């Protein structure tokens, strides 16, 4: 089984709350971090990133590494390109 390692990239600022009830976090990525994201492209050409908010209000970005899970790789082998198109 392949080793799973969490990938955390970028910076998430502290939460700001506005009078309207809207909550906002600033997210920033440096140029080299954007280049590094290319390593995590899925077979369909996407980079899957989760925005995670912890119970203490802190937040972070977690990048899905498609090569770290056998389940993902096995499921992608059974998908044909024509069937995956939405049109």
Protein backbone atom coordinates (compact mmCIF):
# COMPACT_ATOMS: atom_id res chain seq x y z
CA UNK A 1 0.00 0.00 0.00
CA UNK A 2 1.31 3.43 -0.84
CA UNK A 3 2.24 5.88 1.88
CA UNK A 4 -0.33 8.60 2.49
CA UNK A 5 0.96 12.05 3.29
CA UNK A 6 -1.20 15.12 3.72
CA UNK A 7 -0.33 18.04 1.48
CA UNK A 8 -0.86 21.55 2.79
CA UNK A 9 -0.16 24.46 0.44
CA UNK A 10 -0.77 28.19 0.66
CA UNK A 11 -1.83 30.56 3.39
CA UNK A 12 -5.28 31.05 4.88
CA UNK A 13 -5.78 34.23 6.91
CA UNK A 14 -7.84 34.54 10.07
CA UNK A 15 -11.59 34.59 9.65
CA UNK A 16 -13.32 37.97 9.29
CA UNK A 17 -16.99 38.26 10.23
CA UNK A 18 -19.11 41.06 8.84
CA UNK A 19 -22.29 42.62 10.29
CA UNK A 20 -24.32 40.81 7.63
CA UNK A 21 -23.17 37.46 9.07
CA UNK A 22 -20.83 36.74 6.16
CA UNK A 23 -17.60 34.98 7.14
CA UNK A 24 -14.52 35.42 4.98
CA UNK A 25 -11.03 33.94 4.88
CA UNK A 26 -8.29 35.28 2.63
CA UNK A 27 -6.42 32.61 0.67
CA UNK A 28 -3.06 33.24 -0.98
CA UNK A 29 -0.67 31.09 -2.97
CA UNK A 30 2.86 31.98 -4.05
CA UNK A 31 3.97 31.39 -7.65
CA UNK A 32 6.12 28.40 -6.67
CA UNK A 33 3.17 26.91 -4.77
CA UNK A 34 1.00 27.24 -7.86
CA UNK A 35 3.65 25.37 -9.84
CA UNK A 36 3.78 22.68 -7.14
CA UNK A 37 0.01 22.16 -7.43
CA UNK A 38 0.59 20.76 -10.92
CA UNK A 39 2.08 17.67 -9.26
CA UNK A 40 -1.38 16.87 -7.92
CA UNK A 41 -3.32 16.91 -11.18
CA UNK A 42 -5.84 14.09 -11.45
CA UNK A 43 -6.21 12.09 -14.63
CA UNK A 44 -9.02 14.43 -15.64
CA UNK A 45 -6.75 17.48 -15.24
CA UNK A 46 -8.14 18.86 -11.96
CA UNK A 47 -6.44 19.75 -8.69
CA UNK A 48 -8.78 18.96 -5.80
CA UNK A 49 -8.38 21.26 -2.81
CA UNK A 50 -10.42 21.17 0.41
CA UNK A 51 -10.94 24.33 2.43
CA UNK A 52 -11.04 23.04 6.01
CA UNK A 53 -12.30 25.03 8.98
CA UNK A 54 -11.29 23.61 12.36
CA UNK A 55 -13.52 23.76 15.43
CA UNK A 56 -11.34 26.53 16.89
CA UNK A 57 -12.04 28.71 13.83
CA UNK A 58 -8.64 28.22 12.19
CA UNK A 59 -8.61 27.19 8.55
CA UNK A 60 -6.27 25.56 6.05
CA UNK A 61 -6.13 24.20 2.51
CA UNK A 62 -5.64 20.48 2.01
CA UNK A 63 -4.65 19.22 -1.45
CA UNK A 64 -5.80 15.77 -2.57
CA UNK A 65 -2.86 13.68 -3.77
CA UNK A 66 -4.31 11.27 -6.36
CA UNK A 67 -1.24 9.05 -6.29
CA UNK A 68 -1.53 8.43 -2.54
CA UNK A 69 -4.71 6.33 -2.62
CA UNK A 70 -5.20 3.01 -4.35
CA UNK A 71 -8.99 3.44 -4.25
CA UNK A 72 -8.81 6.57 -6.40
CA UNK A 73 -6.41 5.01 -8.90
CA UNK A 74 -8.54 1.87 -9.26
CA UNK A 75 -11.75 3.86 -9.77
CA UNK A 76 -10.13 6.09 -12.41
CA UNK A 77 -8.98 3.07 -14.41
CA UNK A 78 -12.60 2.06 -15.00
CA UNK A 79 -13.76 5.48 -16.27
CA UNK A 80 -13.66 6.01 -20.03
CA UNK A 81 -13.04 9.52 -21.30
CA UNK A 82 -16.18 9.64 -23.46
CA UNK A 83 -18.35 8.55 -20.53
CA UNK A 84 -16.89 11.18 -18.23
CA UNK A 85 -17.89 14.10 -20.46
CA UNK A 86 -20.99 15.99 -19.24
CA UNK A 87 -22.36 16.52 -22.77
